[in-house]
PDB file of N, CA and C in Angstrom:
ATOM      1  N   MET A   1      13.079   3.716   3.312  1.00  0.00           N
ATOM      2  CA  MET A   1      13.500   3.472   4.670  1.00  0.00           C
ATOM      3  C   MET A   1      12.314   3.078   5.558  1.00  0.00           C
ATOM      4  N   THR A   2      11.128   3.575   5.238  1.00  0.00           N
ATOM      5  CA  THR A   2       9.969   3.231   6.065  1.00  0.00           C
ATOM      6  C   THR A   2       9.386   1.877   5.693  1.00  0.00           C
ATOM      7  N   ALA A   3       9.816   1.315   4.565  1.00  0.00           N
ATOM      8  CA  ALA A   3       9.247   0.037   4.125  1.00  0.00           C
ATOM      9  C   ALA A   3       9.654  -1.106   5.048  1.00  0.00           C
ATOM     10  N   ILE A   4      10.864  -1.075   5.567  1.00  0.00           N
ATOM     11  CA  ILE A   4      11.347  -2.187   6.389  1.00  0.00           C
ATOM     12  C   ILE A   4      10.573  -2.291   7.706  1.00  0.00           C
ATOM     13  N   PRO A   5      10.399  -1.202   8.474  1.00  0.00           N
ATOM     14  CA  PRO A   5       9.596  -1.334   9.695  1.00  0.00           C
ATOM     15  C   PRO A   5       8.147  -1.725   9.416  1.00  0.00           C
ATOM     16  N   CYS A   6       7.574  -1.203   8.336  1.00  0.00           N
ATOM     17  CA  CYS A   6       6.190  -1.559   7.998  1.00  0.00           C
ATOM     18  C   CYS A   6       6.080  -3.025   7.606  1.00  0.00           C
ATOM     19  N   ALA A   7       7.065  -3.538   6.880  1.00  0.00           N
ATOM     20  CA  ALA A   7       7.060  -4.955   6.516  1.00  0.00           C
ATOM     21  C   ALA A   7       7.193  -5.822   7.764  1.00  0.00           C
ATOM     22  N   CYS A   8       8.059  -5.427   8.680  1.00  0.00           N
ATOM     23  CA  CYS A   8       8.215  -6.182   9.933  1.00  0.00           C
ATOM     24  C   CYS A   8       6.919  -6.184  10.733  1.00  0.00           C
ATOM     25  N   LEU A   9       6.263  -5.044  10.794  1.00  0.00           N
ATOM     26  CA  LEU A   9       4.988  -4.957  11.514  1.00  0.00           C
ATOM     27  C   LEU A   9       3.930  -5.827  10.849  1.00  0.00           C
ATOM     28  N   GLY A  10       3.879  -5.817   9.519  1.00  0.00           N
ATOM     29  CA  GLY A  10       2.918  -6.651   8.803  1.00  0.00           C
ATOM     30  C   GLY A  10       3.161  -8.131   9.018  1.00  0.00           C
ATOM     31  N   ILE A  11       4.422  -8.547   9.002  1.00  0.00           N
ATOM     32  CA  ILE A  11       4.750  -9.954   9.245  1.00  0.00           C
ATOM     33  C   ILE A  11       4.355 -10.350  10.663  1.00  0.00           C
ATOM     34  N   PHE A  12       4.657  -9.481  11.626  1.00  0.00           N
ATOM     35  CA  PHE A  12       4.318  -9.771  13.020  1.00  0.00           C
ATOM     36  C   PHE A  12       2.806  -9.864  13.215  1.00  0.00           C
ATOM     37  N   LEU A  13       2.065  -8.893  12.672  1.00  0.00           N
ATOM     38  CA  LEU A  13       0.610  -8.904  12.838  1.00  0.00           C
ATOM     39  C   LEU A  13      -0.034 -10.069  12.096  1.00  0.00           C
ATOM     40  N   GLY A  14       0.500 -10.411  10.923  1.00  0.00           N
ATOM     41  CA  GLY A  14      -0.017 -11.568  10.194  1.00  0.00           C
ATOM     42  C   GLY A  14       0.180 -12.857  10.970  1.00  0.00           C
ATOM     43  N   GLY A  15       1.366 -13.025  11.540  1.00  0.00           N
ATOM     44  CA  GLY A  15       1.624 -14.208  12.358  1.00  0.00           C
ATOM     45  C   GLY A  15       0.747 -14.253  13.594  1.00  0.00           C
ATOM     46  N   LEU A  16       0.523 -13.093  14.189  1.00  0.00           N
ATOM     47  CA  LEU A  16      -0.345 -13.021  15.365  1.00  0.00           C
ATOM     48  C   LEU A  16      -1.780 -13.399  15.011  1.00  0.00           C
ATOM     49  N   LEU A  17      -2.267 -12.921  13.868  1.00  0.00           N
ATOM     50  CA  LEU A  17      -3.620 -13.273  13.433  1.00  0.00           C
ATOM     51  C   LEU A  17      -3.748 -14.762  13.146  1.00  0.00           C
ATOM     52  N   VAL A  18      -2.751 -15.329  12.486  1.00  0.00           N
ATOM     53  CA  VAL A  18      -2.790 -16.763  12.187  1.00  0.00           C
ATOM     54  C   VAL A  18      -2.821 -17.565  13.482  1.00  0.00           C
ATOM     55  N   LYS A  19      -2.045 -17.129  14.469  1.00  0.00           N
ATOM     56  CA  LYS A  19      -2.008 -17.848  15.746  1.00  0.00           C
ATOM     57  C   LYS A  19      -3.319 -17.678  16.521  1.00  0.00           C
ATOM     58  N   LYS A  20      -3.833 -16.440  16.594  1.00  0.00           N
ATOM     59  CA  LYS A  20      -5.058 -16.183  17.363  1.00  0.00           C
ATOM     60  C   LYS A  20      -6.278 -16.853  16.736  1.00  0.00           C
ATOM     61  N   LEU A  21      -6.343 -16.859  15.394  1.00  0.00           N
ATOM     62  CA  LEU A  21      -7.488 -17.455  14.710  1.00  0.00           C
ATOM     63  C   LEU A  21      -7.310 -18.948  14.471  1.00  0.00           C
ATOM     64  N   ASN A  22      -6.141 -19.464  14.837  1.00  0.00           N
ATOM     65  CA  ASN A  22      -5.839 -20.894  14.698  1.00  0.00           C
ATOM     66  C   ASN A  22      -6.075 -21.363  13.254  1.00  0.00           C
ATOM     67  N   LEU A  23      -5.466 -20.639  12.306  1.00  0.00           N
ATOM     68  CA  LEU A  23      -5.668 -20.929  10.892  1.00  0.00           C
ATOM     69  C   LEU A  23      -4.746 -22.047  10.420  1.00  0.00           C
ATOM     70  N   SER A  24      -5.257 -22.845   9.504  1.00  0.00           N
ATOM     71  CA  SER A  24      -4.431 -23.860   8.851  1.00  0.00           C
ATOM     72  C   SER A  24      -3.623 -23.176   7.746  1.00  0.00           C
ATOM     73  N   ALA A  25      -2.834 -23.952   7.025  1.00  0.00           N
ATOM     74  CA  ALA A  25      -2.055 -23.388   5.921  1.00  0.00           C
ATOM     75  C   ALA A  25      -2.984 -22.821   4.853  1.00  0.00           C
ATOM     76  N   LEU A  26      -4.052 -23.535   4.551  1.00  0.00           N
ATOM     77  CA  LEU A  26      -5.017 -23.052   3.563  1.00  0.00           C
ATOM     78  C   LEU A  26      -5.713 -21.783   4.059  1.00  0.00           C
ATOM     79  N   GLY A  27      -6.034 -21.732   5.332  1.00  0.00           N
ATOM     80  CA  GLY A  27      -6.651 -20.535   5.901  1.00  0.00           C
ATOM     81  C   GLY A  27      -5.716 -19.339   5.860  1.00  0.00           C
ATOM     82  N   ALA A  28      -4.429 -19.572   6.102  1.00  0.00           N
ATOM     83  CA  ALA A  28      -3.453 -18.485   6.034  1.00  0.00           C
ATOM     84  C   ALA A  28      -3.314 -17.976   4.605  1.00  0.00           C
ATOM     85  N   VAL A  29      -3.352 -18.883   3.634  1.00  0.00           N
ATOM     86  CA  VAL A  29      -3.285 -18.473   2.227  1.00  0.00           C
ATOM     87  C   VAL A  29      -4.520 -17.664   1.861  1.00  0.00           C
ATOM     88  N   ARG A  30      -5.683 -18.093   2.320  1.00  0.00           N
ATOM     89  CA  ARG A  30      -6.920 -17.350   2.044  1.00  0.00           C
ATOM     90  C   ARG A  30      -6.877 -15.962   2.670  1.00  0.00           C
ATOM     91  N   MET A  31      -6.370 -15.877   3.905  1.00  0.00           N
ATOM     92  CA  MET A  31      -6.262 -14.585   4.569  1.00  0.00           C
ATOM     93  C   MET A  31      -5.298 -13.679   3.800  1.00  0.00           C
ATOM     94  N   ALA A  32      -4.179 -14.218   3.358  1.00  0.00           N
ATOM     95  CA  ALA A  32      -3.215 -13.422   2.601  1.00  0.00           C
ATOM     96  C   ALA A  32      -3.814 -12.933   1.289  1.00  0.00           C
ATOM     97  N   MET A  33      -4.599 -13.779   0.635  1.00  0.00           N
ATOM     98  CA  MET A  33      -5.235 -13.376  -0.620  1.00  0.00           C
ATOM     99  C   MET A  33      -6.254 -12.268  -0.382  1.00  0.00           C
ATOM    100  N   MET A  34      -7.022 -12.366   0.692  1.00  0.00           N
ATOM    101  CA  MET A  34      -8.019 -11.337   0.989  1.00  0.00           C
ATOM    102  C   MET A  34      -7.351 -10.002   1.319  1.00  0.00           C
ATOM    103  N   VAL A  35      -6.293 -10.045   2.113  1.00  0.00           N
ATOM    104  CA  VAL A  35      -5.577  -8.814   2.451  1.00  0.00           C
ATOM    105  C   VAL A  35      -4.976  -8.201   1.191  1.00  0.00           C
ATOM    106  N   ASN A  36      -4.452  -9.047   0.316  1.00  0.00           N
ATOM    107  CA  ASN A  36      -3.880  -8.559  -0.936  1.00  0.00           C
ATOM    108  C   ASN A  36      -4.952  -7.923  -1.817  1.00  0.00           C
ATOM    109  N   LEU A  37      -6.128  -8.532  -1.901  1.00  0.00           N
ATOM    110  CA  LEU A  37      -7.220  -7.961  -2.694  1.00  0.00           C
ATOM    111  C   LEU A  37      -7.677  -6.613  -2.138  1.00  0.00           C
ATOM    112  N   VAL A  38      -7.773  -6.515  -0.825  1.00  0.00           N
ATOM    113  CA  VAL A  38      -8.191  -5.251  -0.207  1.00  0.00           C
ATOM    114  C   VAL A  38      -7.145  -4.168  -0.464  1.00  0.00           C
ATOM    115  N   SER A  39      -5.873  -4.500  -0.309  1.00  0.00           N
ATOM    116  CA  SER A  39      -4.833  -3.493  -0.534  1.00  0.00           C
ATOM    117  C   SER A  39      -4.765  -3.085  -2.000  1.00  0.00           C
ATOM    118  N   THR A  40      -4.993  -4.022  -2.918  1.00  0.00           N
ATOM    119  CA  THR A  40      -5.010  -3.686  -4.342  1.00  0.00           C
ATOM    120  C   THR A  40      -6.194  -2.784  -4.667  1.00  0.00           C
ATOM    121  N   ALA A  41      -7.349  -3.064  -4.078  1.00  0.00           N
ATOM    122  CA  ALA A  41      -8.523  -2.214  -4.298  1.00  0.00           C
ATOM    123  C   ALA A  41      -8.275  -0.801  -3.772  1.00  0.00           C
ATOM    124  N   CYS A  42      -7.627  -0.689  -2.628  1.00  0.00           N
ATOM    125  CA  CYS A  42      -7.296   0.638  -2.094  1.00  0.00           C
ATOM    126  C   CYS A  42      -6.318   1.357  -3.008  1.00  0.00           C
ATOM    127  N   TYR A  43      -5.320   0.634  -3.506  1.00  0.00           N
ATOM    128  CA  TYR A  43      -4.333   1.238  -4.398  1.00  0.00           C
ATOM    129  C   TYR A  43      -4.990   1.736  -5.680  1.00  0.00           C
ATOM    130  N   VAL A  44      -5.879   0.946  -6.253  1.00  0.00           N
ATOM    131  CA  VAL A  44      -6.560   1.348  -7.485  1.00  0.00           C
ATOM    132  C   VAL A  44      -7.446   2.563  -7.226  1.00  0.00           C
ATOM    133  N   SER A  45      -8.094   2.607  -6.077  1.00  0.00           N
ATOM    134  CA  SER A  45      -8.938   3.767  -5.778  1.00  0.00           C
ATOM    135  C   SER A  45      -8.100   5.031  -5.641  1.00  0.00           C
ATOM    136  N   PHE A  46      -6.867   4.918  -5.161  1.00  0.00           N
ATOM    137  CA  PHE A  46      -6.004   6.093  -5.038  1.00  0.00           C
ATOM    138  C   PHE A  46      -5.563   6.621  -6.395  1.00  0.00           C
ATOM    139  N   LEU A  47      -5.623   5.795  -7.439  1.00  0.00           N
ATOM    140  CA  LEU A  47      -5.296   6.275  -8.776  1.00  0.00           C
ATOM    141  C   LEU A  47      -6.324   7.287  -9.266  1.00  0.00           C
ATOM    142  N   PHE A  48      -7.567   7.137  -8.826  1.00  0.00           N
ATOM    143  CA  PHE A  48      -8.637   8.024  -9.257  1.00  0.00           C
ATOM    144  C   PHE A  48      -8.863   9.181  -8.292  1.00  0.00           C
ATOM    145  N   LEU A  49      -8.438   9.031  -7.059  1.00  0.00           N
ATOM    146  CA  LEU A  49      -8.565  10.098  -6.068  1.00  0.00           C
ATOM    147  C   LEU A  49      -7.195  10.746  -5.912  1.00  0.00           C
ATOM    148  N   GLY A  50      -6.952  11.777  -6.662  1.00  0.00           N
ATOM    149  CA  GLY A  50      -5.627  12.381  -6.622  1.00  0.00           C
ATOM    150  C   GLY A  50      -5.688  13.859  -6.327  1.00  0.00           C
ATOM    151  N   CYS A  51      -4.531  14.422  -6.173  1.00  0.00           N
ATOM    152  CA  CYS A  51      -4.405  15.853  -5.962  1.00  0.00           C
ATOM    153  C   CYS A  51      -4.153  16.526  -7.307  1.00  0.00           C
ATOM    154  N   ASP A  52      -4.377  17.821  -7.347  1.00  0.00           N
ATOM    155  CA  ASP A  52      -4.068  18.577  -8.550  1.00  0.00           C
ATOM    156  C   ASP A  52      -2.562  18.561  -8.781  1.00  0.00           C
ATOM    157  N   THR A  53      -2.182  18.609 -10.049  1.00  0.00           N
ATOM    158  CA  THR A  53      -0.772  18.622 -10.391  1.00  0.00           C
ATOM    159  C   THR A  53      -0.200  19.995 -10.087  1.00  0.00           C
ATOM    160  N   GLY A  54       0.877  20.022  -9.338  1.00  0.00           N
ATOM    161  CA  GLY A  54       1.511  21.282  -8.993  1.00  0.00           C
ATOM    162  C   GLY A  54       2.366  21.805 -10.130  1.00  0.00           C
ATOM    163  N   PRO A  55       2.672  23.093 -10.093  1.00  0.00           N
ATOM    164  CA  PRO A  55       3.502  23.664 -11.146  1.00  0.00           C
ATOM    165  C   PRO A  55       4.940  23.148 -11.059  1.00  0.00           C
ATOM    166  N   VAL A  56       5.507  22.812 -12.220  1.00  0.00           N
ATOM    167  CA  VAL A  56       6.882  22.327 -12.309  1.00  0.00           C
ATOM    168  C   VAL A  56       7.627  23.253 -13.257  1.00  0.00           C
ATOM    169  N   ALA A  57       8.669  23.893 -12.747  1.00  0.00           N
ATOM    170  CA  ALA A  57       9.421  24.856 -13.554  1.00  0.00           C
ATOM    171  C   ALA A  57      10.023  24.173 -14.770  1.00  0.00           C
ATOM    172  N   GLY A  58       9.775  24.753 -15.930  1.00  0.00           N
ATOM    173  CA  GLY A  58      10.312  24.218 -17.168  1.00  0.00           C
ATOM    174  C   GLY A  58       9.433  23.170 -17.812  1.00  0.00           C
ATOM    175  N   VAL A  59       8.427  22.678 -17.084  1.00  0.00           N
ATOM    176  CA  VAL A  59       7.530  21.669 -17.641  1.00  0.00           C
ATOM    177  C   VAL A  59       6.136  22.252 -17.797  1.00  0.00           C
ATOM    178  N   THR A  60       5.537  22.679 -16.697  1.00  0.00           N
ATOM    179  CA  THR A  60       4.184  23.236 -16.770  1.00  0.00           C
ATOM    180  C   THR A  60       4.186  24.761 -16.715  1.00  0.00           C
ATOM    181  N   VAL A  61       5.243  25.364 -16.192  1.00  0.00           N
ATOM    182  CA  VAL A  61       5.390  26.826 -16.184  1.00  0.00           C
ATOM    183  C   VAL A  61       6.804  27.165 -16.646  1.00  0.00           C
ATOM    184  N   ALA A  62       6.957  28.371 -17.188  1.00  0.00           N
ATOM    185  CA  ALA A  62       8.270  28.790 -17.681  1.00  0.00           C
ATOM    186  C   ALA A  62       9.181  29.179 -16.519  1.00  0.00           C
ATOM    187  N   TYR A  63      10.489  29.108 -16.789  1.00  0.00           N
ATOM    188  CA  TYR A  63      11.457  29.592 -15.811  1.00  0.00           C
ATOM    189  C   TYR A  63      11.320  31.097 -15.679  1.00  0.00           C
ATOM    190  N   GLY A  64      11.874  31.670 -14.637  1.00  0.00           N
ATOM    191  CA  GLY A  64      11.759  33.105 -14.404  1.00  0.00           C
ATOM    192  C   GLY A  64      12.412  33.962 -15.471  1.00  0.00           C
ATOM    193  N   ASN A  65      13.499  33.495 -16.105  1.00  0.00           N
ATOM    194  CA  ASN A  65      14.203  34.327 -17.081  1.00  0.00           C
ATOM    195  C   ASN A  65      13.803  34.015 -18.518  1.00  0.00           C
ATOM    196  N   GLU A  66      12.790  33.226 -18.747  1.00  0.00           N
ATOM    197  CA  GLU A  66      12.358  32.896 -20.116  1.00  0.00           C
ATOM    198  C   GLU A  66      11.173  33.720 -20.529  1.00  0.00           C
TER     199      GLU A  66
END
């Protein structure tokens, strides 16, 4: 449910940046590629920076009556 407002905000801000920076089509493609690379790098870094795994009944810890 939160993806739709975030996507709308991203589209709006991207269009605003293209207009303010007066980018051509090639410049807009380059900007999109750079933003995509930065977001992918952040996503990959989150794979290595994680929280400890919490206990899951029946998987990592036994149920109360077992």
